[in-house]
Amino acid sequence: MLRFIKYLFLGLVLLLVCFTSALLSMRFAIHGREVRVPRFVGLSPVDAERLAIAQGILISMDSRFYSSDIPAGYVVSQAPEANAKVRRGWRVRLALSLGAQRGSVPNVLGESERAAELNISRRDLEIGTIATMHSPGAQSATVIAQSPPPDARNAISPKVALLLAAPDNMRAYIMPNFVGQTIGDGESAVRQAGFTLGKVGYVQDFAGPSGIIVKQTPPPGRKVISGATIAFEVRE
């Protein structure tokens, strides 16, 4: 029995040693594949590619930015930064310099998306992100804001982001229920809500007091836009 316990103990010790050795080997193998990211900033794309291959990493050139320090066509920024530890085969993203900004950003406020795109491209700039929003008083599908702003001369990126007035720029509402209100209250509520008061007709109905709205067009619950015309039928 003592011999069995002795052999069992030795077996557990050997198993622990093997497990520890495997962990150390794995850690060494993982760290052995790590490399430091070289400095790509200031290099040409060809030189950056050669350096990346020598270090066993990949590069991609995804963006372009203005720079008064780095000549056009050379690497202006990188991610991760130089000296960061990465695994072999890691992809480092590079951005190329456009050189110093040559002209100001055009003013495209009030233009259609197509006209703004042509105006921007003529300045050797690019359309960036495009978003839409409701803007009371603005013509639908026209530019109501831009970034960088008009005439900017310190832009970082050649991309100009645009904000357009929504195609359905008129706000939508759910038609309230005016039935049962007096015509005076109904007319006041319609005008205050930004709607247009349409035809007011009078009908003979002896089921209640006169001057009460008994029907409306559009009916309650209908979706309408700002400025819609609302007509009433009123009890005589």
Protein backbone atom coordinates (compact mmCIF):
# COMPACT_ATOMS: atom_id res chain seq x y z
CA MET A 1 0.00 0.00 0.00
CA LEU A 2 2.83 2.38 0.84
CA ARG A 3 4.51 1.56 -2.45
CA PHE A 4 1.32 2.40 -4.34
CA ILE A 5 1.01 5.75 -2.58
CA LYS A 6 4.67 6.47 -3.33
CA TYR A 7 4.23 5.76 -7.04
CA LEU A 8 1.04 7.79 -7.12
CA PHE A 9 2.81 10.76 -5.56
CA LEU A 10 5.70 10.50 -8.04
CA GLY A 11 3.22 10.35 -10.89
CA LEU A 12 1.46 13.51 -9.72
CA VAL A 13 4.81 15.29 -9.41
CA LEU A 14 5.79 14.28 -12.95
CA LEU A 15 2.40 15.38 -14.26
CA LEU A 16 2.80 18.78 -12.58
CA VAL A 17 6.30 19.18 -14.04
CA CYS A 18 5.04 18.35 -17.55
CA PHE A 19 2.14 20.76 -17.24
CA THR A 20 4.43 23.56 -16.04
CA SER A 21 6.87 22.86 -18.83
CA ALA A 22 4.09 22.98 -21.41
CA LEU A 23 2.89 26.36 -20.11
CA LEU A 24 6.41 27.78 -20.22
CA SER A 25 6.93 26.46 -23.75
CA MET A 26 3.65 27.95 -24.92
CA ARG A 27 4.45 31.31 -23.35
CA PHE A 28 7.89 31.30 -24.93
CA ALA A 29 6.43 30.38 -28.33
CA ILE A 30 3.85 33.18 -28.13
CA HIS A 31 6.35 35.81 -27.08
CA GLY A 32 8.86 34.46 -29.57
CA ARG A 33 6.46 35.46 -32.38
CA GLU A 34 6.18 39.03 -31.13
CA VAL A 35 7.90 41.86 -32.98
CA ARG A 36 8.19 45.59 -32.43
CA VAL A 37 6.42 47.84 -34.91
CA PRO A 38 9.02 49.88 -36.81
CA ARG A 39 8.65 53.59 -37.50
CA PHE A 40 6.98 54.02 -40.88
CA VAL A 41 6.29 57.77 -40.65
CA GLY A 42 8.34 59.64 -43.24
CA LEU A 43 8.89 56.60 -45.48
CA SER A 44 7.70 56.15 -49.04
CA PRO A 45 5.11 53.39 -49.66
CA VAL A 46 7.81 51.22 -51.31
CA ASP A 47 10.21 51.57 -48.39
CA ALA A 48 7.40 50.98 -45.90
CA GLU A 49 6.44 47.76 -47.71
CA ARG A 50 10.04 46.50 -47.64
CA LEU A 51 10.41 47.25 -43.95
CA ALA A 52 7.11 45.54 -43.14
CA ILE A 53 8.14 42.37 -45.00
CA ALA A 54 11.46 42.31 -43.17
CA GLN A 55 9.65 42.53 -39.82
CA GLY A 56 7.06 39.90 -40.73
CA ILE A 57 4.05 42.24 -40.51
CA LEU A 58 1.46 43.53 -42.95
CA ILE A 59 0.56 47.11 -43.83
CA SER A 60 -2.45 48.79 -45.41
CA MET A 61 -2.73 52.38 -46.57
CA ASP A 62 -6.31 53.40 -45.84
CA SER A 63 -6.35 57.16 -45.40
CA ARG A 64 -4.81 60.43 -46.56
CA PHE A 65 -4.26 63.58 -44.54
CA TYR A 66 -2.84 67.04 -45.06
CA SER A 67 0.58 67.71 -43.54
CA SER A 68 2.91 70.67 -43.75
CA ASP A 69 5.77 68.53 -42.36
CA ILE A 70 5.60 65.29 -44.40
CA PRO A 71 5.89 65.54 -48.22
CA ALA A 72 2.97 64.35 -50.32
CA GLY A 73 2.99 60.61 -50.95
CA TYR A 74 4.92 59.67 -47.80
CA VAL A 75 3.60 58.04 -44.63
CA VAL A 76 2.19 60.65 -42.25
CA SER A 77 0.77 58.44 -39.48
CA GLN A 78 0.56 54.82 -38.37
CA ALA A 79 -1.43 52.63 -36.01
CA PRO A 80 -0.15 50.99 -33.86
CA GLU A 81 2.61 53.48 -33.07
CA ALA A 82 6.30 52.68 -33.51
CA ASN A 83 7.83 50.29 -30.92
CA ALA A 84 4.48 48.74 -30.02
CA LYS A 85 4.66 44.94 -29.60
CA VAL A 86 2.52 42.92 -32.01
CA ARG A 87 2.46 39.36 -33.29
CA ARG A 88 3.98 38.45 -36.62
CA GLY A 89 1.41 38.87 -39.37
CA TRP A 90 -0.24 41.82 -37.60
CA ARG A 91 -1.62 44.53 -39.87
CA VAL A 92 -0.39 48.09 -39.34
CA ARG A 93 -2.58 50.82 -40.82
CA LEU A 94 -0.77 53.69 -42.51
CA ALA A 95 -1.97 57.07 -43.78
CA LEU A 96 -0.26 58.97 -46.58
CA SER A 97 0.43 62.68 -46.66
CA LEU A 98 -1.29 64.98 -49.13
CA GLY A 99 1.23 67.69 -48.42
CA ALA A 100 0.09 71.11 -47.28
CA GLN A 101 -3.51 72.11 -47.97
CA ARG A 102 -3.48 74.07 -51.23
CA GLY A 103 -6.86 75.75 -51.20
CA SER A 104 -9.80 76.54 -48.95
CA VAL A 105 -12.86 74.37 -48.50
CA PRO A 106 -15.69 75.54 -50.81
CA ASN A 107 -19.00 76.80 -49.50
CA VAL A 108 -21.69 74.30 -50.54
CA LEU A 109 -24.43 75.39 -48.13
CA GLY A 110 -27.80 75.45 -49.86
CA GLU A 111 -26.61 73.32 -52.79
CA SER A 112 -28.03 69.95 -53.78
CA GLU A 113 -25.98 66.85 -52.98
CA ARG A 114 -24.94 66.48 -56.63
CA ALA A 115 -23.92 70.14 -57.00
CA ALA A 116 -21.99 69.99 -53.73
CA GLU A 117 -20.17 66.85 -54.88
CA LEU A 118 -19.09 68.53 -58.14
CA ASN A 119 -18.02 71.69 -56.35
CA ILE A 120 -15.98 69.72 -53.83
CA SER A 121 -14.33 67.43 -56.39
CA ARG A 122 -13.22 70.45 -58.45
CA ARG A 123 -11.09 71.45 -55.45
CA ASP A 124 -9.45 67.99 -55.37
CA LEU A 125 -11.44 67.19 -52.23
CA GLU A 126 -13.69 64.23 -51.47
CA ILE A 127 -17.19 63.71 -50.13
CA GLY A 128 -17.06 62.29 -46.61
CA THR A 129 -20.02 61.07 -44.58
CA ILE A 130 -23.50 62.24 -45.55
CA ALA A 131 -26.30 62.51 -43.01
CA THR A 132 -29.85 63.87 -43.15
CA MET A 133 -32.11 65.60 -40.65
CA HIS A 134 -35.30 67.62 -40.58
CA SER A 135 -34.67 71.35 -40.76
CA PRO A 136 -37.68 73.70 -40.71
CA GLY A 137 -37.49 76.27 -43.49
CA ALA A 138 -34.76 74.48 -45.47
CA GLN A 139 -35.38 73.13 -48.96
CA SER A 140 -35.38 69.34 -48.90
CA ALA A 141 -32.25 67.44 -50.06
CA THR A 142 -30.02 70.53 -49.84
CA VAL A 143 -26.88 71.02 -47.75
CA ILE A 144 -27.64 72.67 -44.40
CA ALA A 145 -24.22 72.10 -42.75
CA GLN A 146 -20.73 70.97 -43.72
CA SER A 147 -17.48 69.99 -41.99
CA PRO A 148 -14.90 71.48 -42.39
CA PRO A 149 -16.82 74.78 -42.58
CA PRO A 150 -16.74 76.99 -45.68
CA ASP A 151 -13.40 78.66 -46.50
CA ALA A 152 -11.47 76.56 -43.92
CA ARG A 153 -7.73 76.49 -44.61
CA ASN A 154 -6.64 74.24 -41.75
CA ALA A 155 -8.43 71.04 -42.71
CA ILE A 156 -6.85 67.76 -41.62
CA SER A 157 -8.60 65.45 -44.08
CA PRO A 158 -9.57 66.06 -47.74
CA LYS A 159 -13.03 64.68 -46.98
CA VAL A 160 -15.93 67.09 -46.52
CA ALA A 161 -18.87 65.76 -44.50
CA LEU A 162 -22.33 66.99 -45.46
CA LEU A 163 -25.61 67.33 -43.58
CA LEU A 164 -28.66 67.42 -45.86
CA ALA A 165 -32.22 68.48 -45.18
CA ALA A 166 -34.33 65.32 -45.19
CA PRO A 167 -36.22 64.63 -48.46
CA ASP A 168 -39.46 64.64 -46.45
CA ASN A 169 -38.39 67.78 -44.68
CA MET A 170 -41.91 68.60 -43.49
CA ARG A 171 -42.45 67.18 -40.01
CA ALA A 172 -45.13 64.53 -39.65
CA TYR A 173 -47.83 64.56 -36.94
CA ILE A 174 -50.71 62.39 -35.81
CA MET A 175 -53.97 64.23 -36.36
CA PRO A 176 -55.55 65.11 -32.99
CA ASN A 177 -59.25 64.73 -32.27
CA PHE A 178 -61.15 68.03 -32.48
CA VAL A 179 -64.63 66.47 -32.44
CA GLY A 180 -66.61 67.69 -29.45
CA GLN A 181 -64.71 70.98 -29.16
CA THR A 182 -66.19 74.36 -29.93
CA ILE A 183 -65.33 75.80 -33.33
CA GLY A 184 -63.51 78.67 -31.62
CA ASP A 185 -61.23 76.31 -29.67
CA GLY A 186 -60.69 74.14 -32.75
CA GLU A 187 -59.68 77.07 -34.97
CA SER A 188 -57.26 78.36 -32.33
CA ALA A 189 -55.66 74.92 -31.83
CA VAL A 190 -55.25 74.39 -35.59
CA ARG A 191 -53.42 77.67 -36.12
CA GLN A 192 -51.21 77.27 -33.06
CA ALA A 193 -50.18 73.79 -34.23
CA GLY A 194 -49.04 75.15 -37.61
CA PHE A 195 -51.89 73.66 -39.65
CA THR A 196 -54.08 75.47 -42.17
CA LEU A 197 -57.76 75.91 -41.44
CA GLY A 198 -59.80 74.80 -44.43
CA LYS A 199 -63.52 74.82 -45.10
CA VAL A 200 -65.84 75.10 -42.13
CA GLY A 201 -69.29 73.71 -42.96
CA TYR A 202 -72.42 73.83 -40.82
CA VAL A 203 -74.85 70.95 -40.47
CA GLN A 204 -78.23 70.67 -38.80
CA ASP A 205 -77.95 68.35 -35.85
CA PHE A 206 -80.30 68.71 -32.89
CA ALA A 207 -78.48 66.17 -30.75
CA GLY A 208 -76.51 68.80 -28.85
CA PRO A 209 -75.52 72.46 -28.51
CA SER A 210 -74.63 74.52 -31.56
CA GLY A 211 -71.09 75.56 -32.46
CA ILE A 212 -69.61 72.13 -31.68
CA ILE A 213 -67.37 70.29 -34.16
CA VAL A 214 -69.04 67.02 -35.21
CA LYS A 215 -66.65 65.95 -37.99
CA GLN A 216 -63.12 66.73 -39.14
CA THR A 217 -61.02 66.03 -42.24
CA PRO A 218 -58.49 64.39 -42.03
CA PRO A 219 -59.96 62.15 -39.32
CA PRO A 220 -58.29 61.72 -35.89
CA GLY A 221 -55.24 59.44 -35.86
CA ARG A 222 -54.32 60.08 -39.51
CA LYS A 223 -50.66 60.96 -40.23
CA VAL A 224 -50.33 64.50 -41.59
CA ILE A 225 -47.48 66.91 -42.32
CA SER A 226 -46.91 70.39 -40.99
CA GLY A 227 -49.09 72.93 -42.76
CA ALA A 228 -51.77 70.39 -43.71
CA THR A 229 -55.29 71.74 -44.28
CA ILE A 230 -57.96 70.73 -41.76
CA ALA A 231 -61.68 71.09 -42.48
CA PHE A 232 -64.51 71.00 -39.94
CA GLU A 233 -68.23 70.33 -39.92
CA VAL A 234 -69.94 72.23 -37.14
CA ARG A 235 -73.36 71.79 -35.58
CA GLU A 236 -75.66 74.76 -36.29
